[in-house]
Amino acid sequence: MRFELGLAKLKDEVYRRESLRRAYVIYRSIFSPEDDVIFIHRTYYRIDEKRFSKIRLKRFFITSLENLRSCIWPYEFDESDEEFYTKEWSVAVKAKEIRMPYVLECIVNDDFMRKPNSGGRVYLYNQTKGILFHMYDDRGCDIFSANKDTLLPFYHLHRKWILDYNRYQIDHLLDEGLAGINETDDERKVRSELNDKKVIDSRINFGQNNTCHIMHHFEVPFVNADKFEKEISFTSFVIRRSSIMNDMVTFSAAKTEALALIDYQTHLMSMYGKKYGTYIGWSYERLDQNKE
């Protein structure tokens, strides 16, 4: 599962602090102090670059390290690239031995060009629970497990923080939410063509800042209205009832985001419409900095 940590509507230190808060809440919900954890640190070097000493990892722990292991892997992001390699250090510890607030701050600081920073990518494998935790940067974190039932409690606990971009796939993987609601090839084609036409008509350049306030519109039978509103409320879209007429309720679901991401938005929203009523389409408002 992929969770959204950094919120685009927040700025600077407020953004940074919210990213840290969410990451720590998710971590604390997964790891108990006595859990057995494999702490993994990966760094990437050119083949002619000096390797760093293992002493760099001591700062992440409150106790001294024993049985620290290291290995060399092909370059993680492109195994065919022979000019780089992955250096991995790993150590087995108890969760309580990890200076986790410090670790998370180091990860967040990487993108803010601040110190201390992580100096690489950090993975924590909870051997006790069979879950891998990876905060990749200030924007988000992933949790993995070989057993989907292991992930279900965290789906329900942090459902609102699931990254909307991946929400549909995660729902299907875990048989939750939109599982079983599918789009036909013809429906996908019509949706894409409508999106393309509206984007072209907008004359918004995706190569520049194209953040917009995007609104999706629905008609939902009154009998389904509460269930529809509740499920949308688990996303980061802001849901609003507009009117009731002939046993139908009209809704709007809004999110401020790059218009370049309209395809995933319309797919997700059209699936909610298909589950509970009818998806009418979308409209947008350009932010001041985007206006001509």
C-alpha atoms as a PDB file:
ATOM      1  CA  MET A   1       0.000   0.000   0.000  1.00  0.00           C
ATOM      2  CA  ARG A   2       1.178   3.493  -0.788  1.00  0.00           C
ATOM      3  CA  PHE A   3       0.348   6.378   1.540  1.00  0.00           C
ATOM      4  CA  GLU A   4       0.428  10.103   0.837  1.00  0.00           C
ATOM      5  CA  LEU A   5       2.522  11.999   3.386  1.00  0.00           C
ATOM      6  CA  GLY A   6       3.264  15.434   1.941  1.00  0.00           C
ATOM      7  CA  LEU A   7       0.199  17.519   1.080  1.00  0.00           C
ATOM      8  CA  ALA A   8       0.476  19.920  -1.853  1.00  0.00           C
ATOM      9  CA  LYS A   9      -1.785  22.465  -0.147  1.00  0.00           C
ATOM     10  CA  LEU A  10       0.758  22.874   2.659  1.00  0.00           C
ATOM     11  CA  LYS A  11       3.983  24.795   2.279  1.00  0.00           C
ATOM     12  CA  ASP A  12       7.524  24.768   3.615  1.00  0.00           C
ATOM     13  CA  GLU A  13       7.880  23.801   7.286  1.00  0.00           C
ATOM     14  CA  VAL A  14       4.163  23.034   7.745  1.00  0.00           C
ATOM     15  CA  TYR A  15       4.373  20.619   4.799  1.00  0.00           C
ATOM     16  CA  ARG A  16       7.527  19.043   6.210  1.00  0.00           C
ATOM     17  CA  ARG A  17       6.062  18.578   9.680  1.00  0.00           C
ATOM     18  CA  GLU A  18       2.850  17.009   8.384  1.00  0.00           C
ATOM     19  CA  SER A  19       4.879  14.576   6.282  1.00  0.00           C
ATOM     20  CA  LEU A  20       6.858  13.570   9.374  1.00  0.00           C
ATOM     21  CA  ARG A  21       3.737  13.268  11.510  1.00  0.00           C
ATOM     22  CA  ARG A  22       1.953  10.947   9.097  1.00  0.00           C
ATOM     23  CA  ALA A  23       5.033   8.792   8.575  1.00  0.00           C
ATOM     24  CA  TYR A  24       5.522   8.360  12.303  1.00  0.00           C
ATOM     25  CA  VAL A  25       1.844   7.546  12.913  1.00  0.00           C
ATOM     26  CA  ILE A  26       1.969   4.832  10.232  1.00  0.00           C
ATOM     27  CA  TYR A  27       5.248   3.478  11.585  1.00  0.00           C
ATOM     28  CA  ARG A  28       3.947   3.346  15.182  1.00  0.00           C
ATOM     29  CA  SER A  29       0.825   1.478  14.066  1.00  0.00           C
ATOM     30  CA  ILE A  30       3.003  -1.257  12.498  1.00  0.00           C
ATOM     31  CA  PHE A  31       5.983  -1.584  14.839  1.00  0.00           C
ATOM     32  CA  SER A  32       5.885  -2.496  18.523  1.00  0.00           C
ATOM     33  CA  PRO A  33       8.987  -1.894  20.694  1.00  0.00           C
ATOM     34  CA  GLU A  34       9.864  -5.594  20.980  1.00  0.00           C
ATOM     35  CA  ASP A  35       9.358  -6.436  17.301  1.00  0.00           C
ATOM     36  CA  ASP A  36      12.369  -7.974  15.540  1.00  0.00           C
ATOM     37  CA  VAL A  37      13.436  -5.673  12.734  1.00  0.00           C
ATOM     38  CA  ILE A  38      15.986  -5.849   9.926  1.00  0.00           C
ATOM     39  CA  PHE A  39      17.214  -2.315   9.293  1.00  0.00           C
ATOM     40  CA  ILE A  40      18.428  -1.906   5.704  1.00  0.00           C
ATOM     41  CA  HIS A  41      20.339   1.071   4.320  1.00  0.00           C
ATOM     42  CA  ARG A  42      21.131   1.348   0.620  1.00  0.00           C
ATOM     43  CA  THR A  43      23.428   3.859  -1.029  1.00  0.00           C
ATOM     44  CA  TYR A  44      24.391   4.227  -4.670  1.00  0.00           C
ATOM     45  CA  TYR A  45      27.876   4.923  -6.004  1.00  0.00           C
ATOM     46  CA  ARG A  46      29.809   5.115  -9.201  1.00  0.00           C
ATOM     47  CA  ILE A  47      32.226   2.212  -9.568  1.00  0.00           C
ATOM     48  CA  ASP A  48      35.195   4.570  -9.125  1.00  0.00           C
ATOM     49  CA  GLU A  49      33.722   6.319  -6.050  1.00  0.00           C
ATOM     50  CA  LYS A  50      34.983   5.847  -2.493  1.00  0.00           C
ATOM     51  CA  ARG A  51      32.813   3.669  -0.250  1.00  0.00           C
ATOM     52  CA  PHE A  52      31.651   5.064   3.041  1.00  0.00           C
ATOM     53  CA  SER A  53      32.405   3.386   6.359  1.00  0.00           C
ATOM     54  CA  LYS A  54      29.730   1.515   8.288  1.00  0.00           C
ATOM     55  CA  ILE A  55      30.146   3.993  11.158  1.00  0.00           C
ATOM     56  CA  ARG A  56      27.699   6.285   9.347  1.00  0.00           C
ATOM     57  CA  LEU A  57      24.856   3.998  10.419  1.00  0.00           C
ATOM     58  CA  LYS A  58      25.497   4.221  14.163  1.00  0.00           C
ATOM     59  CA  ARG A  59      23.627   7.507  14.355  1.00  0.00           C
ATOM     60  CA  PHE A  60      20.327   5.737  13.573  1.00  0.00           C
ATOM     61  CA  PHE A  61      20.438   3.599  16.758  1.00  0.00           C
ATOM     62  CA  ILE A  62      20.425   4.109  20.522  1.00  0.00           C
ATOM     63  CA  THR A  63      22.511   0.970  21.090  1.00  0.00           C
ATOM     64  CA  SER A  64      25.764  -0.288  19.605  1.00  0.00           C
ATOM     65  CA  LEU A  65      25.533  -2.362  16.441  1.00  0.00           C
ATOM     66  CA  GLU A  66      26.369  -6.051  16.316  1.00  0.00           C
ATOM     67  CA  ASN A  67      26.423  -8.435  13.366  1.00  0.00           C
ATOM     68  CA  LEU A  68      26.271  -5.621  10.837  1.00  0.00           C
ATOM     69  CA  ARG A  69      26.359  -7.096   7.343  1.00  0.00           C
ATOM     70  CA  SER A  70      27.100  -5.545   3.986  1.00  0.00           C
ATOM     71  CA  CYS A  71      26.874  -6.574   0.363  1.00  0.00           C
ATOM     72  CA  ILE A  72      27.118  -5.154  -3.145  1.00  0.00           C
ATOM     73  CA  TRP A  73      24.168  -5.315  -5.537  1.00  0.00           C
ATOM     74  CA  PRO A  74      23.669  -4.191  -9.140  1.00  0.00           C
ATOM     75  CA  TYR A  75      22.370  -0.639  -9.418  1.00  0.00           C
ATOM     76  CA  GLU A  76      18.865  -0.775  -7.957  1.00  0.00           C
ATOM     77  CA  PHE A  77      17.242   1.543 -10.484  1.00  0.00           C
ATOM     78  CA  ASP A  78      18.813   0.018 -13.599  1.00  0.00           C
ATOM     79  CA  GLU A  79      20.595  -3.325 -13.225  1.00  0.00           C
ATOM     80  CA  SER A  80      22.042  -3.000 -16.719  1.00  0.00           C
ATOM     81  CA  ASP A  81      23.868   0.222 -15.768  1.00  0.00           C
ATOM     82  CA  GLU A  82      27.388  -0.956 -14.971  1.00  0.00           C
ATOM     83  CA  GLU A  83      28.682   2.511 -14.047  1.00  0.00           C
ATOM     84  CA  PHE A  84      26.833   2.428 -10.716  1.00  0.00           C
ATOM     85  CA  TYR A  85      26.274  -0.107  -7.964  1.00  0.00           C
ATOM     86  CA  THR A  86      24.176  -0.470  -4.818  1.00  0.00           C
ATOM     87  CA  LYS A  87      25.882  -0.734  -1.445  1.00  0.00           C
ATOM     88  CA  GLU A  88      23.657  -2.320   1.210  1.00  0.00           C
ATOM     89  CA  TRP A  89      24.160  -2.476   4.968  1.00  0.00           C
ATOM     90  CA  SER A  90      21.742  -4.454   7.152  1.00  0.00           C
ATOM     91  CA  VAL A  91      21.469  -5.252  10.838  1.00  0.00           C
ATOM     92  CA  ALA A  92      18.949  -7.137  12.992  1.00  0.00           C
ATOM     93  CA  VAL A  93      17.676  -5.129  15.972  1.00  0.00           C
ATOM     94  CA  LYS A  94      14.626  -4.593  18.155  1.00  0.00           C
ATOM     95  CA  ALA A  95      12.335  -1.787  17.030  1.00  0.00           C
ATOM     96  CA  LYS A  96      12.952   0.032  20.294  1.00  0.00           C
ATOM     97  CA  GLU A  97      16.670   0.313  19.436  1.00  0.00           C
ATOM     98  CA  ILE A  98      15.994   2.489  16.371  1.00  0.00           C
ATOM     99  CA  ARG A  99      15.973   6.275  16.687  1.00  0.00           C
ATOM    100  CA  MET A 100      12.916   6.356  14.458  1.00  0.00           C
ATOM    101  CA  PRO A 101      11.978  10.061  14.680  1.00  0.00           C
ATOM    102  CA  TYR A 102      15.565  10.862  13.722  1.00  0.00           C
ATOM    103  CA  VAL A 103      15.508   8.321  10.857  1.00  0.00           C
ATOM    104  CA  LEU A 104      12.311   9.804   9.415  1.00  0.00           C
ATOM    105  CA  GLU A 105      13.617  13.345   9.707  1.00  0.00           C
ATOM    106  CA  CYS A 106      16.774  12.326   7.852  1.00  0.00           C
ATOM    107  CA  ILE A 107      14.664  10.898   5.026  1.00  0.00           C
ATOM    108  CA  VAL A 108      12.508  14.023   4.772  1.00  0.00           C
ATOM    109  CA  ASN A 109      15.562  16.274   4.859  1.00  0.00           C
ATOM    110  CA  ASP A 110      16.982  14.688   1.687  1.00  0.00           C
ATOM    111  CA  ASP A 111      14.582  16.682  -0.508  1.00  0.00           C
ATOM    112  CA  PHE A 112      14.895  19.832   1.597  1.00  0.00           C
ATOM    113  CA  MET A 113      18.698  19.893   1.267  1.00  0.00           C
ATOM    114  CA  ARG A 114      18.960  19.949   5.045  1.00  0.00           C
ATOM    115  CA  LYS A 115      21.059  18.089   7.569  1.00  0.00           C
ATOM    116  CA  PRO A 116      20.936  15.496   8.961  1.00  0.00           C
ATOM    117  CA  ASN A 117      19.956  13.444   5.932  1.00  0.00           C
ATOM    118  CA  SER A 118      19.682   9.723   5.307  1.00  0.00           C
ATOM    119  CA  GLY A 119      22.519   9.418   2.793  1.00  0.00           C
ATOM    120  CA  GLY A 120      20.550   6.724   0.962  1.00  0.00           C
ATOM    121  CA  ARG A 121      17.321   4.737   1.087  1.00  0.00           C
ATOM    122  CA  VAL A 122      16.101   3.144   4.314  1.00  0.00           C
ATOM    123  CA  TYR A 123      13.962   0.004   4.557  1.00  0.00           C
ATOM    124  CA  LEU A 124      12.667  -1.588   7.757  1.00  0.00           C
ATOM    125  CA  TYR A 125      11.493  -5.181   7.625  1.00  0.00           C
ATOM    126  CA  ASN A 126       9.371  -6.183  10.608  1.00  0.00           C
ATOM    127  CA  GLN A 127      10.183  -9.890  10.939  1.00  0.00           C
ATOM    128  CA  THR A 128       7.652 -10.326  13.733  1.00  0.00           C
ATOM    129  CA  LYS A 129       4.716  -9.130  11.607  1.00  0.00           C
ATOM    130  CA  GLY A 130       6.013  -9.797   8.094  1.00  0.00           C
ATOM    131  CA  ILE A 131       5.768  -6.178   6.905  1.00  0.00           C
ATOM    132  CA  LEU A 132       8.284  -4.034   5.037  1.00  0.00           C
ATOM    133  CA  PHE A 133       8.118  -0.273   5.696  1.00  0.00           C
ATOM    134  CA  HIS A 134       9.731   2.159   3.255  1.00  0.00           C
ATOM    135  CA  MET A 135       9.402   5.929   3.396  1.00  0.00           C
ATOM    136  CA  TYR A 136      10.830   6.914   0.016  1.00  0.00           C
ATOM    137  CA  ASP A 137      10.812  10.677   0.598  1.00  0.00           C
ATOM    138  CA  ASP A 138       8.681  13.508   1.996  1.00  0.00           C
ATOM    139  CA  ARG A 139       5.859  12.679  -0.427  1.00  0.00           C
ATOM    140  CA  GLY A 140       4.959   9.185   0.688  1.00  0.00           C
ATOM    141  CA  CYS A 141       5.698   5.762   2.106  1.00  0.00           C
ATOM    142  CA  ASP A 142       4.958   2.170   1.154  1.00  0.00           C
ATOM    143  CA  ILE A 143       4.211  -0.899   3.225  1.00  0.00           C
ATOM    144  CA  PHE A 144       4.512  -4.387   1.757  1.00  0.00           C
ATOM    145  CA  SER A 145       3.572  -7.886   2.849  1.00  0.00           C
ATOM    146  CA  ALA A 146       3.365 -11.295   1.191  1.00  0.00           C
ATOM    147  CA  ASN A 147      -0.056 -11.729   2.851  1.00  0.00           C
ATOM    148  CA  LYS A 148      -2.809  -9.247   2.018  1.00  0.00           C
ATOM    149  CA  ASP A 149      -4.625 -10.081   5.270  1.00  0.00           C
ATOM    150  CA  THR A 150      -1.613  -8.648   7.088  1.00  0.00           C
ATOM    151  CA  LEU A 151      -2.177  -5.307   5.347  1.00  0.00           C
ATOM    152  CA  LEU A 152      -5.962  -5.092   5.856  1.00  0.00           C
ATOM    153  CA  PRO A 153      -5.872  -3.579   9.370  1.00  0.00           C
ATOM    154  CA  PHE A 154      -3.629  -0.778   8.110  1.00  0.00           C
ATOM    155  CA  TYR A 155      -5.882  -0.220   5.090  1.00  0.00           C
ATOM    156  CA  HIS A 156      -8.787   0.469   7.421  1.00  0.00           C
ATOM    157  CA  LEU A 157      -6.713   2.385   9.963  1.00  0.00           C
ATOM    158  CA  HIS A 158      -5.098   4.757   7.440  1.00  0.00           C
ATOM    159  CA  ARG A 159      -7.553   4.516   4.550  1.00  0.00           C
ATOM    160  CA  LYS A 160      -7.868   8.274   4.136  1.00  0.00           C
ATOM    161  CA  TRP A 161      -4.101   8.610   3.662  1.00  0.00           C
ATOM    162  CA  ILE A 162      -3.857   6.068   0.837  1.00  0.00           C
ATOM    163  CA  LEU A 163      -2.496   7.789  -2.258  1.00  0.00           C
ATOM    164  CA  ASP A 164      -5.511   8.437  -4.498  1.00  0.00           C
ATOM    165  CA  TYR A 165      -3.405   7.757  -7.587  1.00  0.00           C
ATOM    166  CA  ASN A 166      -3.035   4.112  -6.478  1.00  0.00           C
ATOM    167  CA  ARG A 167      -6.307   3.753  -4.564  1.00  0.00           C
ATOM    168  CA  TYR A 168      -8.190   1.814  -7.256  1.00  0.00           C
ATOM    169  CA  GLN A 169      -5.411  -0.765  -7.626  1.00  0.00           C
ATOM    170  CA  ILE A 170      -5.045  -1.117  -3.838  1.00  0.00           C
ATOM    171  CA  ASP A 171      -8.809  -1.600  -3.411  1.00  0.00           C
ATOM    172  CA  HIS A 172      -8.745  -4.400  -5.987  1.00  0.00           C
ATOM    173  CA  LEU A 173      -5.703  -6.014  -4.419  1.00  0.00           C
ATOM    174  CA  LEU A 174      -7.349  -6.119  -0.978  1.00  0.00           C
ATOM    175  CA  ASP A 175     -10.944  -6.767  -2.121  1.00  0.00           C
ATOM    176  CA  GLU A 176     -12.125  -3.525  -0.557  1.00  0.00           C
ATOM    177  CA  GLY A 177     -13.825  -0.327  -1.695  1.00  0.00           C
ATOM    178  CA  LEU A 178     -13.955  -0.338  -5.500  1.00  0.00           C
ATOM    179  CA  ALA A 179     -13.026  -4.026  -5.867  1.00  0.00           C
ATOM    180  CA  GLY A 180     -15.151  -5.581  -8.606  1.00  0.00           C
ATOM    181  CA  ILE A 181     -16.026  -2.242 -10.221  1.00  0.00           C
ATOM    182  CA  ASN A 182     -14.392  -2.257 -13.645  1.00  0.00           C
ATOM    183  CA  GLU A 183     -14.160  -0.084 -16.731  1.00  0.00           C
ATOM    184  CA  THR A 184     -14.725  -1.570 -20.185  1.00  0.00           C
ATOM    185  CA  ASP A 185     -12.404  -0.795 -23.082  1.00  0.00           C
ATOM    186  CA  ASP A 186     -15.153   1.295 -24.713  1.00  0.00           C
ATOM    187  CA  GLU A 187     -15.757   3.244 -21.506  1.00  0.00           C
ATOM    188  CA  ARG A 188     -12.050   3.906 -21.135  1.00  0.00           C
ATOM    189  CA  LYS A 189     -11.820   5.126 -24.725  1.00  0.00           C
ATOM    190  CA  VAL A 190     -14.763   7.525 -24.344  1.00  0.00           C
ATOM    191  CA  ARG A 191     -13.415   8.858 -21.043  1.00  0.00           C
ATOM    192  CA  SER A 192      -9.931   9.431 -22.465  1.00  0.00           C
ATOM    193  CA  GLU A 193     -11.264  11.194 -25.550  1.00  0.00           C
ATOM    194  CA  LEU A 194     -13.400  13.515 -23.421  1.00  0.00           C
ATOM    195  CA  ASN A 195     -10.440  14.260 -21.178  1.00  0.00           C
ATOM    196  CA  ASP A 196      -8.185  15.016 -24.148  1.00  0.00           C
ATOM    197  CA  LYS A 197     -10.727  17.362 -25.716  1.00  0.00           C
ATOM    198  CA  LYS A 198     -11.321  19.289 -22.504  1.00  0.00           C
ATOM    199  CA  VAL A 199      -7.586  19.598 -21.814  1.00  0.00           C
ATOM    200  CA  ILE A 200      -6.915  20.871 -25.348  1.00  0.00           C
ATOM    201  CA  ASP A 201      -9.756  23.374 -25.038  1.00  0.00           C
ATOM    202  CA  SER A 202      -8.330  24.600 -21.726  1.00  0.00           C
ATOM    203  CA  ARG A 203      -5.052  25.617 -23.447  1.00  0.00           C
ATOM    204  CA  ILE A 204      -3.215  24.775 -20.213  1.00  0.00           C
ATOM    205  CA  ASN A 205       0.435  23.911 -20.772  1.00  0.00           C
ATOM    206  CA  PHE A 206       1.396  20.715 -18.904  1.00  0.00           C
ATOM    207  CA  GLY A 207       5.031  21.747 -19.226  1.00  0.00           C
ATOM    208  CA  GLN A 208       4.362  24.567 -16.758  1.00  0.00           C
ATOM    209  CA  ASN A 209       2.585  24.803 -13.415  1.00  0.00           C
ATOM    210  CA  ASN A 210      -0.840  23.374 -14.276  1.00  0.00           C
ATOM    211  CA  THR A 211      -2.389  23.091 -10.826  1.00  0.00           C
ATOM    212  CA  CYS A 212      -6.169  23.515 -10.936  1.00  0.00           C
ATOM    213  CA  HIS A 213      -9.149  23.122  -8.661  1.00  0.00           C
ATOM    214  CA  ILE A 214     -10.824  20.113 -10.296  1.00  0.00           C
ATOM    215  CA  MET A 215     -14.458  19.250  -9.558  1.00  0.00           C
ATOM    216  CA  HIS A 216     -16.207  15.986 -10.396  1.00  0.00           C
ATOM    217  CA  HIS A 217     -19.988  15.840 -10.639  1.00  0.00           C
ATOM    218  CA  PHE A 218     -22.380  13.010  -9.805  1.00  0.00           C
ATOM    219  CA  GLU A 219     -26.047  12.066  -9.670  1.00  0.00           C
ATOM    220  CA  VAL A 220     -26.730   9.404  -7.046  1.00  0.00           C
ATOM    221  CA  PRO A 221     -30.048   7.760  -6.104  1.00  0.00           C
ATOM    222  CA  PHE A 222     -31.171   8.965  -2.685  1.00  0.00           C
ATOM    223  CA  VAL A 223     -30.975   5.410  -1.325  1.00  0.00           C
ATOM    224  CA  ASN A 224     -27.225   5.304  -2.100  1.00  0.00           C
ATOM    225  CA  ALA A 225     -26.358   8.883  -1.159  1.00  0.00           C
ATOM    226  CA  ASP A 226     -25.059   8.292   2.379  1.00  0.00           C
ATOM    227  CA  LYS A 227     -22.938   5.297   1.363  1.00  0.00           C
ATOM    228  CA  PHE A 228     -21.508   7.212  -1.591  1.00  0.00           C
ATOM    229  CA  GLU A 229     -20.678  10.253   0.529  1.00  0.00           C
ATOM    230  CA  LYS A 230     -19.021   8.107   3.190  1.00  0.00           C
ATOM    231  CA  GLU A 231     -16.800   6.260   0.715  1.00  0.00           C
ATOM    232  CA  ILE A 232     -15.644   9.429  -1.047  1.00  0.00           C
ATOM    233  CA  SER A 233     -14.866  10.918   2.373  1.00  0.00           C
ATOM    234  CA  PHE A 234     -12.125   8.276   2.747  1.00  0.00           C
ATOM    235  CA  THR A 235     -10.284   9.868  -0.182  1.00  0.00           C
ATOM    236  CA  SER A 236      -8.532  13.234  -0.240  1.00  0.00           C
ATOM    237  CA  PHE A 237     -11.319  14.664  -2.434  1.00  0.00           C
ATOM    238  CA  VAL A 238     -13.684  17.107  -0.721  1.00  0.00           C
ATOM    239  CA  ILE A 239     -17.259  15.847  -1.125  1.00  0.00           C
ATOM    240  CA  ARG A 240     -20.285  18.160  -1.145  1.00  0.00           C
ATOM    241  CA  ARG A 241     -24.010  17.588  -1.611  1.00  0.00           C
ATOM    242  CA  SER A 242     -25.582  20.089  -3.977  1.00  0.00           C
ATOM    243  CA  SER A 243     -29.291  19.339  -4.334  1.00  0.00           C
ATOM    244  CA  ILE A 244     -32.019  16.688  -4.130  1.00  0.00           C
ATOM    245  CA  MET A 245     -34.538  16.250  -6.935  1.00  0.00           C
ATOM    246  CA  ASN A 246     -36.760  13.323  -7.950  1.00  0.00           C
ATOM    247  CA  ASP A 247     -35.093  10.970  -5.462  1.00  0.00           C
ATOM    248  CA  MET A 248     -31.664  11.851  -6.921  1.00  0.00           C
ATOM    249  CA  VAL A 249     -28.888  13.658  -5.065  1.00  0.00           C
ATOM    250  CA  THR A 250     -26.253  15.680  -6.883  1.00  0.00           C
ATOM    251  CA  PHE A 251     -22.718  15.744  -5.510  1.00  0.00           C
ATOM    252  CA  SER A 252     -19.409  17.332  -6.314  1.00  0.00           C
ATOM    253  CA  ALA A 253     -16.007  15.944  -5.303  1.00  0.00           C
ATOM    254  CA  ALA A 254     -13.136  18.406  -5.557  1.00  0.00           C
ATOM    255  CA  LYS A 255      -9.358  18.287  -5.355  1.00  0.00           C
ATOM    256  CA  THR A 256      -6.635  20.816  -6.117  1.00  0.00           C
ATOM    257  CA  GLU A 257      -4.001  19.043  -8.177  1.00  0.00           C
ATOM    258  CA  ALA A 258      -2.102  19.185 -11.456  1.00  0.00           C
ATOM    259  CA  LEU A 259      -4.456  18.921 -14.414  1.00  0.00           C
ATOM    260  CA  ALA A 260      -1.886  16.555 -15.926  1.00  0.00           C
ATOM    261  CA  LEU A 261      -3.258  13.945 -13.477  1.00  0.00           C
ATOM    262  CA  ILE A 262      -6.820  14.191 -14.767  1.00  0.00           C
ATOM    263  CA  ASP A 263      -6.782  10.663 -16.229  1.00  0.00           C
ATOM    264  CA  TYR A 264      -6.403   8.871 -12.895  1.00  0.00           C
ATOM    265  CA  GLN A 265      -8.907  11.273 -11.289  1.00  0.00           C
ATOM    266  CA  THR A 266     -11.611  10.631 -13.868  1.00  0.00           C
ATOM    267  CA  HIS A 267     -11.008   6.896 -13.725  1.00  0.00           C
ATOM    268  CA  LEU A 268     -11.309   6.821  -9.940  1.00  0.00           C
ATOM    269  CA  MET A 269     -14.345   9.098  -9.842  1.00  0.00           C
ATOM    270  CA  SER A 270     -16.125   7.302 -12.672  1.00  0.00           C
ATOM    271  CA  MET A 271     -15.727   4.029 -10.774  1.00  0.00           C
ATOM    272  CA  TYR A 272     -17.373   5.560  -7.696  1.00  0.00           C
ATOM    273  CA  GLY A 273     -20.124   6.825  -9.986  1.00  0.00           C
ATOM    274  CA  LYS A 274     -20.549   3.391 -11.485  1.00  0.00           C
ATOM    275  CA  LYS A 275     -20.793   1.786  -8.034  1.00  0.00           C
ATOM    276  CA  TYR A 276     -23.359   4.173  -6.581  1.00  0.00           C
ATOM    277  CA  GLY A 277     -25.017   6.189  -9.350  1.00  0.00           C
ATOM    278  CA  THR A 278     -23.877   8.219 -12.374  1.00  0.00           C
ATOM    279  CA  TYR A 279     -20.669  10.144 -12.999  1.00  0.00           C
ATOM    280  CA  ILE A 280     -21.591  13.274 -14.956  1.00  0.00           C
ATOM    281  CA  GLY A 281     -18.123  14.619 -15.712  1.00  0.00           C
ATOM    282  CA  TRP A 282     -15.647  17.198 -14.496  1.00  0.00           C
ATOM    283  CA  SER A 283     -14.993  20.901 -14.512  1.00  0.00           C
ATOM    284  CA  TYR A 284     -12.055  22.982 -13.366  1.00  0.00           C
ATOM    285  CA  GLU A 285     -10.956  26.370 -12.111  1.00  0.00           C
ATOM    286  CA  ARG A 286      -7.517  27.670 -12.997  1.00  0.00           C
ATOM    287  CA  LEU A 287      -5.498  29.044 -10.121  1.00  0.00           C
ATOM    288  CA  ASP A 288      -4.406  32.680 -10.369  1.00  0.00           C
ATOM    289  CA  GLN A 289      -0.831  31.821 -11.364  1.00  0.00           C
ATOM    290  CA  ASN A 290      -2.139  29.762 -14.294  1.00  0.00           C
ATOM    291  CA  LYS A 291      -4.399  32.393 -15.786  1.00  0.00           C
ATOM    292  CA  GLU A 292      -3.393  34.161 -18.956  1.00  0.00           C
END
